[in-house]
N, C-alpha and C. Protein backbone atom coordinates (compact mmCIF):
# COMPACT_ATOMS: atom_id res chain seq x y z
N MET A 1 77.39 82.11 149.96
CA MET A 1 77.36 83.56 149.98
C MET A 1 78.39 84.15 149.01
N LYS A 2 79.55 83.49 148.93
CA LYS A 2 80.60 83.96 148.04
C LYS A 2 80.13 83.91 146.59
N GLN A 3 79.37 82.88 146.23
CA GLN A 3 78.85 82.77 144.87
C GLN A 3 77.89 83.91 144.56
N LEU A 4 77.08 84.29 145.53
CA LEU A 4 76.14 85.39 145.34
C LEU A 4 76.90 86.70 145.12
N ASN A 5 77.97 86.90 145.89
CA ASN A 5 78.79 88.11 145.71
C ASN A 5 79.43 88.14 144.33
N ASN A 6 79.92 87.00 143.87
CA ASN A 6 80.51 86.92 142.53
C ASN A 6 79.47 87.21 141.46
N LEU A 7 78.27 86.67 141.65
CA LEU A 7 77.20 86.89 140.69
C LEU A 7 76.82 88.37 140.65
N MET A 8 76.75 89.01 141.79
CA MET A 8 76.42 90.44 141.85
C MET A 8 77.50 91.27 141.17
N ARG A 9 78.76 90.91 141.39
CA ARG A 9 79.87 91.63 140.76
C ARG A 9 79.82 91.47 139.24
N GLN A 10 79.53 90.27 138.78
CA GLN A 10 79.41 90.04 137.34
C GLN A 10 78.24 90.82 136.76
N ALA A 11 77.14 90.90 137.47
CA ALA A 11 75.98 91.65 137.00
C ALA A 11 76.32 93.13 136.90
N GLN A 12 77.07 93.66 137.86
CA GLN A 12 77.46 95.07 137.82
C GLN A 12 78.40 95.33 136.65
N GLN A 13 79.33 94.42 136.40
CA GLN A 13 80.24 94.56 135.26
C GLN A 13 79.47 94.52 133.95
N MET A 14 78.51 93.60 133.86
CA MET A 14 77.70 93.49 132.64
C MET A 14 76.90 94.77 132.44
N GLN A 15 76.34 95.31 133.49
CA GLN A 15 75.57 96.56 133.39
C GLN A 15 76.47 97.69 132.91
N SER A 16 77.67 97.76 133.43
CA SER A 16 78.61 98.80 133.01
C SER A 16 78.95 98.67 131.53
N ARG A 17 79.19 97.44 131.07
CA ARG A 17 79.51 97.22 129.66
C ARG A 17 78.31 97.54 128.77
N MET A 18 77.11 97.26 129.25
CA MET A 18 75.91 97.57 128.47
C MET A 18 75.74 99.09 128.36
N GLN A 19 76.05 99.81 129.42
CA GLN A 19 75.95 101.27 129.37
C GLN A 19 76.98 101.84 128.40
N GLU A 20 78.18 101.27 128.38
CA GLU A 20 79.20 101.70 127.42
C GLU A 20 78.72 101.44 125.99
N MET A 21 78.13 100.28 125.76
CA MET A 21 77.63 99.94 124.44
C MET A 21 76.53 100.91 124.02
N GLN A 22 75.67 101.24 124.96
CA GLN A 22 74.59 102.18 124.69
C GLN A 22 75.16 103.55 124.32
N ALA A 23 76.17 103.99 125.03
CA ALA A 23 76.77 105.30 124.77
C ALA A 23 77.40 105.35 123.38
N LYS A 24 77.94 104.23 122.93
CA LYS A 24 78.60 104.17 121.63
C LYS A 24 77.62 103.87 120.48
N ALA A 25 76.37 103.62 120.79
CA ALA A 25 75.39 103.20 119.78
C ALA A 25 75.26 104.20 118.64
N GLY A 26 75.33 105.48 118.94
CA GLY A 26 75.20 106.49 117.90
C GLY A 26 76.35 106.48 116.92
N ASP A 27 77.48 105.90 117.34
CA ASP A 27 78.66 105.84 116.47
C ASP A 27 78.62 104.67 115.50
N VAL A 28 77.79 103.67 115.80
CA VAL A 28 77.69 102.49 114.95
C VAL A 28 76.88 102.87 113.72
N LEU A 29 77.41 102.55 112.55
CA LEU A 29 76.72 102.82 111.29
C LEU A 29 76.60 101.52 110.50
N VAL A 30 75.40 101.25 110.00
CA VAL A 30 75.14 100.05 109.21
C VAL A 30 74.45 100.47 107.93
N ASP A 31 74.93 99.94 106.80
CA ASP A 31 74.35 100.26 105.50
C ASP A 31 73.37 99.18 105.08
N GLY A 32 72.28 99.63 104.48
CA GLY A 32 71.31 98.73 103.87
C GLY A 32 71.25 99.02 102.39
N VAL A 33 71.10 97.98 101.59
CA VAL A 33 71.13 98.12 100.13
C VAL A 33 69.97 97.35 99.53
N ALA A 34 69.39 97.90 98.47
CA ALA A 34 68.33 97.20 97.74
C ALA A 34 68.42 97.55 96.26
N GLY A 35 67.82 96.70 95.45
CA GLY A 35 67.80 96.95 94.01
C GLY A 35 69.19 96.93 93.39
N GLY A 36 70.04 96.05 93.90
CA GLY A 36 71.39 95.96 93.35
C GLY A 36 72.19 97.24 93.55
N GLY A 37 71.91 97.96 94.63
CA GLY A 37 72.65 99.19 94.92
C GLY A 37 71.96 100.46 94.45
N LEU A 38 70.76 100.32 93.86
CA LEU A 38 70.05 101.52 93.41
C LEU A 38 69.57 102.36 94.58
N VAL A 39 69.30 101.70 95.71
CA VAL A 39 68.92 102.40 96.94
C VAL A 39 69.88 101.96 98.04
N GLN A 40 70.47 102.94 98.70
CA GLN A 40 71.38 102.68 99.81
C GLN A 40 71.00 103.62 100.94
N LEU A 41 70.98 103.08 102.16
CA LEU A 41 70.73 103.94 103.30
C LEU A 41 71.58 103.50 104.47
N THR A 42 71.70 104.40 105.44
CA THR A 42 72.53 104.15 106.61
C THR A 42 71.71 104.37 107.87
N LEU A 43 71.80 103.41 108.79
CA LEU A 43 71.20 103.53 110.12
C LEU A 43 72.32 103.60 111.14
N ASN A 44 72.08 104.34 112.23
CA ASN A 44 73.04 104.28 113.32
C ASN A 44 72.54 103.26 114.35
N GLY A 45 73.32 103.04 115.37
CA GLY A 45 72.99 102.04 116.38
C GLY A 45 71.75 102.35 117.18
N LYS A 46 71.20 103.54 117.01
CA LYS A 46 69.96 103.91 117.70
C LYS A 46 68.76 103.79 116.78
N ASN A 47 68.94 103.08 115.66
CA ASN A 47 67.88 102.88 114.66
C ASN A 47 67.44 104.17 114.00
N GLU A 48 68.31 105.15 113.93
CA GLU A 48 68.00 106.41 113.28
C GLU A 48 68.56 106.39 111.87
N LEU A 49 67.75 106.78 110.90
CA LEU A 49 68.18 106.88 109.52
C LEU A 49 69.07 108.10 109.40
N THR A 50 70.32 107.90 108.98
CA THR A 50 71.26 109.02 108.91
C THR A 50 71.60 109.45 107.49
N ALA A 51 71.37 108.58 106.52
CA ALA A 51 71.68 108.93 105.13
C ALA A 51 70.90 108.04 104.18
N ILE A 52 70.63 108.58 103.00
CA ILE A 52 69.98 107.80 101.96
C ILE A 52 70.53 108.26 100.62
N LYS A 53 70.79 107.29 99.73
CA LYS A 53 71.26 107.57 98.38
C LYS A 53 70.34 106.86 97.41
N LEU A 54 69.87 107.59 96.42
CA LEU A 54 68.99 107.03 95.40
C LEU A 54 69.64 107.20 94.04
N ASP A 55 69.62 106.15 93.26
CA ASP A 55 70.10 106.25 91.90
C ASP A 55 69.11 107.09 91.11
N LYS A 56 69.61 108.01 90.32
CA LYS A 56 68.76 108.94 89.57
C LYS A 56 67.78 108.22 88.62
N SER A 57 68.12 107.02 88.21
CA SER A 57 67.23 106.28 87.31
C SER A 57 65.91 105.92 87.98
N LEU A 58 65.87 105.98 89.32
CA LEU A 58 64.64 105.65 90.05
C LEU A 58 63.71 106.84 90.20
N LEU A 59 64.12 108.01 89.76
CA LEU A 59 63.34 109.22 89.97
C LEU A 59 62.35 109.48 88.83
N ASP A 60 61.68 108.43 88.44
CA ASP A 60 60.65 108.50 87.40
C ASP A 60 59.29 108.51 88.09
N PRO A 61 58.49 109.55 87.89
CA PRO A 61 57.19 109.62 88.56
C PRO A 61 56.31 108.40 88.31
N ALA A 62 56.50 107.75 87.21
CA ALA A 62 55.69 106.57 86.90
C ALA A 62 56.14 105.35 87.72
N GLU A 63 57.31 105.45 88.35
CA GLU A 63 57.88 104.31 89.08
C GLU A 63 57.98 104.57 90.58
N VAL A 64 57.13 105.42 91.10
CA VAL A 64 57.19 105.77 92.53
C VAL A 64 57.04 104.54 93.42
N GLU A 65 56.16 103.64 93.07
CA GLU A 65 55.94 102.45 93.89
C GLU A 65 57.20 101.59 93.97
N VAL A 66 57.92 101.48 92.88
CA VAL A 66 59.17 100.71 92.88
C VAL A 66 60.16 101.36 93.84
N LEU A 67 60.29 102.67 93.77
CA LEU A 67 61.20 103.39 94.65
C LEU A 67 60.81 103.18 96.12
N GLU A 68 59.54 103.29 96.41
CA GLU A 68 59.06 103.09 97.78
C GLU A 68 59.40 101.69 98.28
N ASP A 69 59.18 100.68 97.45
CA ASP A 69 59.49 99.31 97.83
C ASP A 69 60.98 99.11 98.08
N LEU A 70 61.80 99.73 97.24
CA LEU A 70 63.25 99.59 97.40
C LEU A 70 63.74 100.28 98.68
N ILE A 71 63.15 101.41 99.02
CA ILE A 71 63.53 102.10 100.26
C ILE A 71 63.19 101.22 101.47
N VAL A 72 62.01 100.64 101.45
CA VAL A 72 61.61 99.74 102.54
C VAL A 72 62.56 98.55 102.62
N ALA A 73 62.89 97.96 101.48
CA ALA A 73 63.79 96.80 101.46
C ALA A 73 65.18 97.18 101.98
N ALA A 74 65.69 98.34 101.60
CA ALA A 74 67.01 98.78 102.07
C ALA A 74 66.99 99.02 103.57
N PHE A 75 65.91 99.61 104.07
CA PHE A 75 65.79 99.83 105.50
C PHE A 75 65.78 98.51 106.25
N ASN A 76 64.98 97.56 105.76
CA ASN A 76 64.90 96.25 106.41
C ASN A 76 66.24 95.52 106.38
N ASP A 77 67.00 95.68 105.31
CA ASP A 77 68.33 95.10 105.20
C ASP A 77 69.25 95.68 106.28
N ALA A 78 69.24 97.00 106.40
CA ALA A 78 70.08 97.66 107.40
C ALA A 78 69.65 97.27 108.81
N LYS A 79 68.36 97.21 109.05
CA LYS A 79 67.84 96.86 110.38
C LYS A 79 68.25 95.45 110.77
N ALA A 80 68.17 94.52 109.83
CA ALA A 80 68.57 93.14 110.11
C ALA A 80 70.06 93.07 110.45
N LYS A 81 70.87 93.80 109.71
CA LYS A 81 72.31 93.83 109.99
C LYS A 81 72.59 94.43 111.36
N LEU A 82 71.89 95.51 111.68
CA LEU A 82 72.07 96.17 112.98
C LEU A 82 71.64 95.25 114.11
N ASP A 83 70.51 94.56 113.95
CA ASP A 83 70.05 93.63 114.98
C ASP A 83 71.06 92.52 115.22
N LYS A 84 71.64 92.00 114.14
CA LYS A 84 72.65 90.94 114.28
C LYS A 84 73.88 91.46 114.99
N GLN A 85 74.33 92.65 114.60
CA GLN A 85 75.51 93.23 115.22
C GLN A 85 75.25 93.49 116.71
N THR A 86 74.08 93.97 117.05
CA THR A 86 73.73 94.22 118.44
C THR A 86 73.68 92.91 119.23
N ALA A 87 73.09 91.89 118.64
CA ALA A 87 73.02 90.58 119.30
C ALA A 87 74.41 90.01 119.53
N ASP A 88 75.30 90.17 118.56
CA ASP A 88 76.67 89.69 118.70
C ASP A 88 77.38 90.43 119.84
N GLU A 89 77.18 91.74 119.92
CA GLU A 89 77.80 92.53 120.99
C GLU A 89 77.24 92.13 122.36
N MET A 90 75.93 91.88 122.41
CA MET A 90 75.31 91.46 123.67
C MET A 90 75.86 90.10 124.11
N ALA A 91 76.08 89.20 123.15
CA ALA A 91 76.63 87.89 123.48
C ALA A 91 78.03 88.04 124.08
N LYS A 92 78.80 89.00 123.58
CA LYS A 92 80.13 89.25 124.14
C LYS A 92 80.01 89.77 125.57
N ILE A 93 79.07 90.68 125.78
CA ILE A 93 78.91 91.29 127.09
C ILE A 93 78.41 90.28 128.12
N THR A 94 77.44 89.47 127.73
CA THR A 94 76.85 88.52 128.68
C THR A 94 77.64 87.23 128.78
N GLY A 95 78.66 87.09 127.96
CA GLY A 95 79.46 85.88 128.00
C GLY A 95 78.66 84.65 127.62
N GLY A 96 77.66 84.84 126.78
CA GLY A 96 76.84 83.72 126.34
C GLY A 96 75.73 83.37 127.32
N MET A 97 75.64 84.09 128.44
CA MET A 97 74.59 83.83 129.41
C MET A 97 73.25 84.15 128.77
N PRO A 98 72.30 83.23 128.81
CA PRO A 98 71.01 83.49 128.18
C PRO A 98 70.26 84.61 128.90
N LEU A 99 69.64 85.48 128.11
CA LEU A 99 68.85 86.56 128.66
C LEU A 99 67.37 86.16 128.64
N PRO A 100 66.57 86.80 129.45
CA PRO A 100 65.14 86.46 129.45
C PRO A 100 64.52 86.64 128.09
N PRO A 101 63.52 85.82 127.74
CA PRO A 101 62.85 85.97 126.44
C PRO A 101 62.28 87.38 126.27
N GLY A 102 62.47 87.94 125.09
CA GLY A 102 61.95 89.27 124.81
C GLY A 102 62.82 90.40 125.31
N PHE A 103 63.96 90.08 125.95
CA PHE A 103 64.85 91.13 126.44
C PHE A 103 65.46 91.87 125.28
N LYS A 104 65.42 93.19 125.34
CA LYS A 104 66.00 94.02 124.30
C LYS A 104 66.81 95.10 124.96
N MET A 105 67.81 95.55 124.22
CA MET A 105 68.59 96.69 124.72
C MET A 105 67.66 97.90 124.79
N PRO A 106 67.94 98.80 125.71
CA PRO A 106 67.05 99.96 125.88
C PRO A 106 67.23 101.05 124.84
N PHE A 107 67.68 100.74 123.64
CA PHE A 107 67.77 101.76 122.59
C PHE A 107 67.25 101.20 121.31
């Protein structure tokens, strides 16, 4: 019975830490870069695009497809970095305890 109480207490602590992480998610900023820095964008911890910078050399109407591809690549770069950072934070919170397959943070 004592082990069950300890497990419940740990689960409550983990839930509290996850809620704190969720509350701070908007403060987390991750940059994505593509084209050697020609396209840069920023995502916050809630996967919201907060900023984008385009090098003026990309603003050629004949090169719209290149610009579109670079924006997608920069977004994917930022998303991958954010996912890794989130996974690292979750590992700290769970103490390495494996989570169910497909478990994702609620943000």
